[in-house]
C-alpha cells in the first residue's frame, strides 16, 4: 500500500475517531482519580514498601 493510499483512506476513519475518544475518556477519568487523591508520592522501579510504611 502506498503512502498516498494510507493518507487518503476513509474506511476506518470512524473507527479511529471512536478509538481516540475512548482513549481521551480514559485519560480524563485517570486525571480525575488522581485529582481526588490529593498530595501523593509515586515510586517507580522495584522499590518495595509495606502498606503501613510512613
PDB file of N, CA and C in Angstrom:
ATOM      1  N   UNK A   1       0.851  -1.175   0.000  1.00  0.00           N
ATOM      2  CA  UNK A   1       0.000   0.000   0.000  1.00  0.00           C
ATOM      3  C   UNK A   1       0.895   1.236   0.000  1.00  0.00           C
ATOM      4  N   UNK A   2       0.570   2.189  -0.843  1.00  0.00           N
ATOM      5  CA  UNK A   2       1.364   3.402  -0.958  1.00  0.00           C
ATOM      6  C   UNK A   2       0.984   4.401   0.133  1.00  0.00           C
ATOM      7  N   UNK A   3       1.902   5.325   0.396  1.00  0.00           N
ATOM      8  CA  UNK A   3       1.676   6.342   1.424  1.00  0.00           C
ATOM      9  C   UNK A   3       0.427   7.162   1.125  1.00  0.00           C
ATOM     10  N   UNK A   4       0.218   7.498  -0.133  1.00  0.00           N
ATOM     11  CA  UNK A   4      -0.946   8.293  -0.520  1.00  0.00           C
ATOM     12  C   UNK A   4      -2.241   7.556  -0.180  1.00  0.00           C
ATOM     13  N   UNK A   5      -2.250   6.248  -0.407  1.00  0.00           N
ATOM     14  CA  UNK A   5      -3.436   5.450  -0.091  1.00  0.00           C
ATOM     15  C   UNK A   5      -3.724   5.460   1.409  1.00  0.00           C
ATOM     16  N   UNK A   6      -2.676   5.401   2.219  1.00  0.00           N
ATOM     17  CA  UNK A   6      -2.862   5.427   3.668  1.00  0.00           C
ATOM     18  C   UNK A   6      -3.392   6.772   4.146  1.00  0.00           C
ATOM     19  N   UNK A   7      -2.875   7.853   3.559  1.00  0.00           N
ATOM     20  CA  UNK A   7      -3.286   9.188   3.980  1.00  0.00           C
ATOM     21  C   UNK A   7      -4.678   9.560   3.499  1.00  0.00           C
ATOM     22  N   UNK A   8      -5.132   8.970   2.419  1.00  0.00           N
ATOM     23  CA  UNK A   8      -6.428   9.322   1.837  1.00  0.00           C
ATOM     24  C   UNK A   8      -7.541   8.348   2.206  1.00  0.00           C
ATOM     25  N   UNK A   9      -7.257   7.363   3.004  1.00  0.00           N
ATOM     26  CA  UNK A   9      -8.278   6.361   3.316  1.00  0.00           C
ATOM     27  C   UNK A   9      -9.386   6.958   4.176  1.00  0.00           C
ATOM     28  N   UNK A  10     -10.589   6.496   3.979  1.00  0.00           N
ATOM     29  CA  UNK A  10     -11.733   6.971   4.755  1.00  0.00           C
ATOM     30  C   UNK A  10     -12.506   5.819   5.381  1.00  0.00           C
ATOM     31  N   UNK A  11     -12.162   4.589   5.044  1.00  0.00           N
ATOM     32  CA  UNK A  11     -12.943   3.445   5.506  1.00  0.00           C
ATOM     33  C   UNK A  11     -12.872   3.235   7.015  1.00  0.00           C
ATOM     34  N   UNK A  12     -11.739   3.509   7.629  1.00  0.00           N
ATOM     35  CA  UNK A  12     -11.589   3.286   9.056  1.00  0.00           C
ATOM     36  C   UNK A  12     -11.589   4.583   9.864  1.00  0.00           C
ATOM     37  N   UNK A  13     -11.998   5.681   9.260  1.00  0.00           N
ATOM     38  CA  UNK A  13     -11.951   6.971   9.934  1.00  0.00           C
ATOM     39  C   UNK A  13     -12.840   6.988  11.170  1.00  0.00           C
ATOM     40  N   UNK A  14     -14.026   6.437  11.078  1.00  0.00           N
ATOM     41  CA  UNK A  14     -14.943   6.411  12.216  1.00  0.00           C
ATOM     42  C   UNK A  14     -14.399   5.520  13.329  1.00  0.00           C
ATOM     43  N   UNK A  15     -13.794   4.405  12.958  1.00  0.00           N
ATOM     44  CA  UNK A  15     -13.201   3.512  13.956  1.00  0.00           C
ATOM     45  C   UNK A  15     -12.045   4.213  14.666  1.00  0.00           C
ATOM     46  N   UNK A  16     -11.201   4.916  13.915  1.00  0.00           N
ATOM     47  CA  UNK A  16     -10.086   5.652  14.506  1.00  0.00           C
ATOM     48  C   UNK A  16     -10.595   6.739  15.445  1.00  0.00           C
ATOM     49  N   UNK A  17     -11.634   7.457  15.036  1.00  0.00           N
ATOM     50  CA  UNK A  17     -12.202   8.515  15.864  1.00  0.00           C
ATOM     51  C   UNK A  17     -12.771   7.932  17.152  1.00  0.00           C
ATOM     52  N   UNK A  18     -13.489   6.826  17.047  1.00  0.00           N
ATOM     53  CA  UNK A  18     -14.063   6.176  18.223  1.00  0.00           C
ATOM     54  C   UNK A  18     -12.963   5.733  19.182  1.00  0.00           C
ATOM     55  N   UNK A  19     -11.890   5.203  18.654  1.00  0.00           N
ATOM     56  CA  UNK A  19     -10.760   4.771  19.483  1.00  0.00           C
ATOM     57  C   UNK A  19     -10.122   5.972  20.184  1.00  0.00           C
ATOM     58  N   UNK A  20      -9.962   7.082  19.481  1.00  0.00           N
ATOM     59  CA  UNK A  20      -9.367   8.285  20.066  1.00  0.00           C
ATOM     60  C   UNK A  20     -10.251   8.843  21.179  1.00  0.00           C
ATOM     61  N   UNK A  21     -11.565   8.848  20.975  1.00  0.00           N
ATOM     62  CA  UNK A  21     -12.492   9.328  22.003  1.00  0.00           C
ATOM     63  C   UNK A  21     -12.410   8.434  23.237  1.00  0.00           C
ATOM     64  N   UNK A  22     -12.321   7.135  23.024  1.00  0.00           N
ATOM     65  CA  UNK A  22     -12.221   6.190  24.141  1.00  0.00           C
ATOM     66  C   UNK A  22     -10.940   6.434  24.945  1.00  0.00           C
ATOM     67  N   UNK A  23      -9.812   6.636  24.258  1.00  0.00           N
ATOM     68  CA  UNK A  23      -8.545   6.895  24.947  1.00  0.00           C
ATOM     69  C   UNK A  23      -8.604   8.211  25.716  1.00  0.00           C
ATOM     70  N   UNK A  24      -9.209   9.238  25.114  1.00  0.00           N
ATOM     71  CA  UNK A  24      -9.334  10.524  25.792  1.00  0.00           C
ATOM     72  C   UNK A  24     -10.183  10.382  27.048  1.00  0.00           C
ATOM     73  N   UNK A  25     -11.267   9.620  26.956  1.00  0.00           N
ATOM     74  CA  UNK A  25     -12.139   9.405  28.107  1.00  0.00           C
ATOM     75  C   UNK A  25     -11.384   8.700  29.236  1.00  0.00           C
ATOM     76  N   UNK A  26     -10.570   7.699  28.904  1.00  0.00           N
ATOM     77  CA  UNK A  26      -9.771   7.013  29.920  1.00  0.00           C
ATOM     78  C   UNK A  26      -8.754   7.963  30.552  1.00  0.00           C
ATOM     79  N   UNK A  27      -8.158   8.834  29.749  1.00  0.00           N
ATOM     80  CA  UNK A  27      -7.192   9.806  30.255  1.00  0.00           C
ATOM     81  C   UNK A  27      -7.851  10.759  31.246  1.00  0.00           C
ATOM     82  N   UNK A  28      -9.021  11.283  30.885  1.00  0.00           N
ATOM     83  CA  UNK A  28      -9.743  12.209  31.758  1.00  0.00           C
ATOM     84  C   UNK A  28     -10.158  11.508  33.047  1.00  0.00           C
ATOM     85  N   UNK A  29     -10.636  10.280  32.942  1.00  0.00           N
ATOM     86  CA  UNK A  29     -11.031   9.519  34.127  1.00  0.00           C
ATOM     87  C   UNK A  29      -9.843   9.321  35.066  1.00  0.00           C
ATOM     88  N   UNK A  30      -8.685   8.995  34.519  1.00  0.00           N
ATOM     89  CA  UNK A  30      -7.479   8.831  35.331  1.00  0.00           C
ATOM     90  C   UNK A  30      -7.049  10.126  35.994  1.00  0.00           C
ATOM     91  N   UNK A  31      -7.120  11.231  35.265  1.00  0.00           N
ATOM     92  CA  UNK A  31      -6.752  12.533  35.840  1.00  0.00           C
ATOM     93  C   UNK A  31      -7.692  12.917  36.970  1.00  0.00           C
ATOM     94  N   UNK A  32      -8.976  12.654  36.807  1.00  0.00           N
ATOM     95  CA  UNK A  32      -9.939  12.944  37.877  1.00  0.00           C
ATOM     96  C   UNK A  32      -9.646  12.105  39.114  1.00  0.00           C
ATOM     97  N   UNK A  33      -9.303  10.845  38.926  1.00  0.00           N
ATOM     98  CA  UNK A  33      -8.982   9.975  40.065  1.00  0.00           C
ATOM     99  C   UNK A  33      -7.751  10.494  40.802  1.00  0.00           C
ATOM    100  N   UNK A  34      -6.745  10.933  40.064  1.00  0.00           N
ATOM    101  CA  UNK A  34      -5.543  11.465  40.697  1.00  0.00           C
ATOM    102  C   UNK A  34      -5.819  12.794  41.388  1.00  0.00           C
ATOM    103  N   UNK A  35      -6.692  13.612  40.821  1.00  0.00           N
ATOM    104  CA  UNK A  35      -7.030  14.900  41.422  1.00  0.00           C
ATOM    105  C   UNK A  35      -7.709  14.689  42.767  1.00  0.00           C
ATOM    106  N   UNK A  36      -8.620  13.735  42.831  1.00  0.00           N
ATOM    107  CA  UNK A  36      -9.344  13.457  44.068  1.00  0.00           C
ATOM    108  C   UNK A  36      -8.458  12.801  45.122  1.00  0.00           C
ATOM    109  N   UNK A  37      -7.329  12.256  44.725  1.00  0.00           N
ATOM    110  CA  UNK A  37      -6.431  11.566  45.638  1.00  0.00           C
ATOM    111  C   UNK A  37      -5.716  12.529  46.573  1.00  0.00           C
ATOM    112  N   UNK A  38      -5.445  13.731  46.118  1.00  0.00           N
ATOM    113  CA  UNK A  38      -4.723  14.699  46.931  1.00  0.00           C
ATOM    114  C   UNK A  38      -3.221  14.522  46.795  1.00  0.00           C
ATOM    115  N   UNK A  39      -2.457  15.229  47.647  1.00  0.00           N
ATOM    116  CA  UNK A  39      -0.998  15.139  47.571  1.00  0.00           C
ATOM    117  C   UNK A  39      -0.519  13.700  47.750  1.00  0.00           C
ATOM    118  N   UNK A  40       0.359  13.269  46.868  1.00  0.00           N
ATOM    119  CA  UNK A  40       0.825  11.880  46.886  1.00  0.00           C
ATOM    120  C   UNK A  40       2.249  11.795  46.372  1.00  0.00           C
ATOM    121  N   UNK A  41       2.834  10.626  46.545  1.00  0.00           N
ATOM    122  CA  UNK A  41       4.167  10.336  46.029  1.00  0.00           C
ATOM    123  C   UNK A  41       4.074   9.071  45.196  1.00  0.00           C
ATOM    124  N   UNK A  42       4.710   9.073  44.052  1.00  0.00           N
ATOM    125  CA  UNK A  42       4.748   7.890  43.203  1.00  0.00           C
ATOM    126  C   UNK A  42       6.150   7.304  43.251  1.00  0.00           C
ATOM    127  N   UNK A  43       6.249   6.006  43.458  1.00  0.00           N
ATOM    128  CA  UNK A  43       7.536   5.320  43.499  1.00  0.00           C
ATOM    129  C   UNK A  43       7.617   4.410  42.282  1.00  0.00           C
ATOM    130  N   UNK A  44       8.605   4.651  41.426  1.00  0.00           N
ATOM    131  CA  UNK A  44       8.807   3.838  40.238  1.00  0.00           C
ATOM    132  C   UNK A  44       9.937   2.848  40.483  1.00  0.00           C
ATOM    133  N   UNK A  45       9.938   1.799  39.733  1.00  0.00           N
ATOM    134  CA  UNK A  45      11.021   0.834  39.823  1.00  0.00           C
ATOM    135  C   UNK A  45      10.646  -0.342  40.694  1.00  0.00           C
ATOM    136  N   UNK A  46      11.657  -0.946  41.294  1.00  0.00           N
ATOM    137  CA  UNK A  46      11.418  -2.167  42.061  1.00  0.00           C
ATOM    138  C   UNK A  46      11.439  -1.920  43.562  1.00  0.00           C
ATOM    139  N   UNK A  47      11.262  -0.671  43.997  1.00  0.00           N
ATOM    140  CA  UNK A  47      11.249  -0.363  45.428  1.00  0.00           C
ATOM    141  C   UNK A  47      10.054  -1.038  46.086  1.00  0.00           C
ATOM    142  N   UNK A  48      10.274  -1.566  47.281  1.00  0.00           N
ATOM    143  CA  UNK A  48       9.205  -2.261  48.000  1.00  0.00           C
ATOM    144  C   UNK A  48       8.983  -1.582  49.351  1.00  0.00           C
ATOM    145  N   UNK A  49       7.741  -1.279  49.648  1.00  0.00           N
ATOM    146  CA  UNK A  49       7.363  -0.706  50.930  1.00  0.00           C
ATOM    147  C   UNK A  49       6.189  -1.488  51.483  1.00  0.00           C
ATOM    148  N   UNK A  50       6.149  -1.633  52.803  1.00  0.00           N
ATOM    149  CA  UNK A  50       4.981  -2.225  53.435  1.00  0.00           C
ATOM    150  C   UNK A  50       3.818  -1.251  53.348  1.00  0.00           C
ATOM    151  N   UNK A  51       2.601  -1.745  53.484  1.00  0.00           N
ATOM    152  CA  UNK A  51       1.423  -0.888  53.391  1.00  0.00           C
ATOM    153  C   UNK A  51       1.401   0.168  54.484  1.00  0.00           C
ATOM    154  N   UNK A  52       1.975  -0.120  55.658  1.00  0.00           N
ATOM    155  CA  UNK A  52       1.948   0.836  56.771  1.00  0.00           C
ATOM    156  C   UNK A  52       3.219   1.688  56.831  1.00  0.00           C
ATOM    157  N   UNK A  53       4.039   1.674  55.790  1.00  0.00           N
ATOM    158  CA  UNK A  53       5.278   2.449  55.746  1.00  0.00           C
ATOM    159  C   UNK A  53       4.961   3.939  55.748  1.00  0.00           C
ATOM    160  N   UNK A  54       5.668   4.705  56.590  1.00  0.00           N
ATOM    161  CA  UNK A  54       5.451   6.165  56.656  1.00  0.00           C
ATOM    162  C   UNK A  54       6.732   6.886  56.368  1.00  0.00           C
TER     163      UNK A  54
END
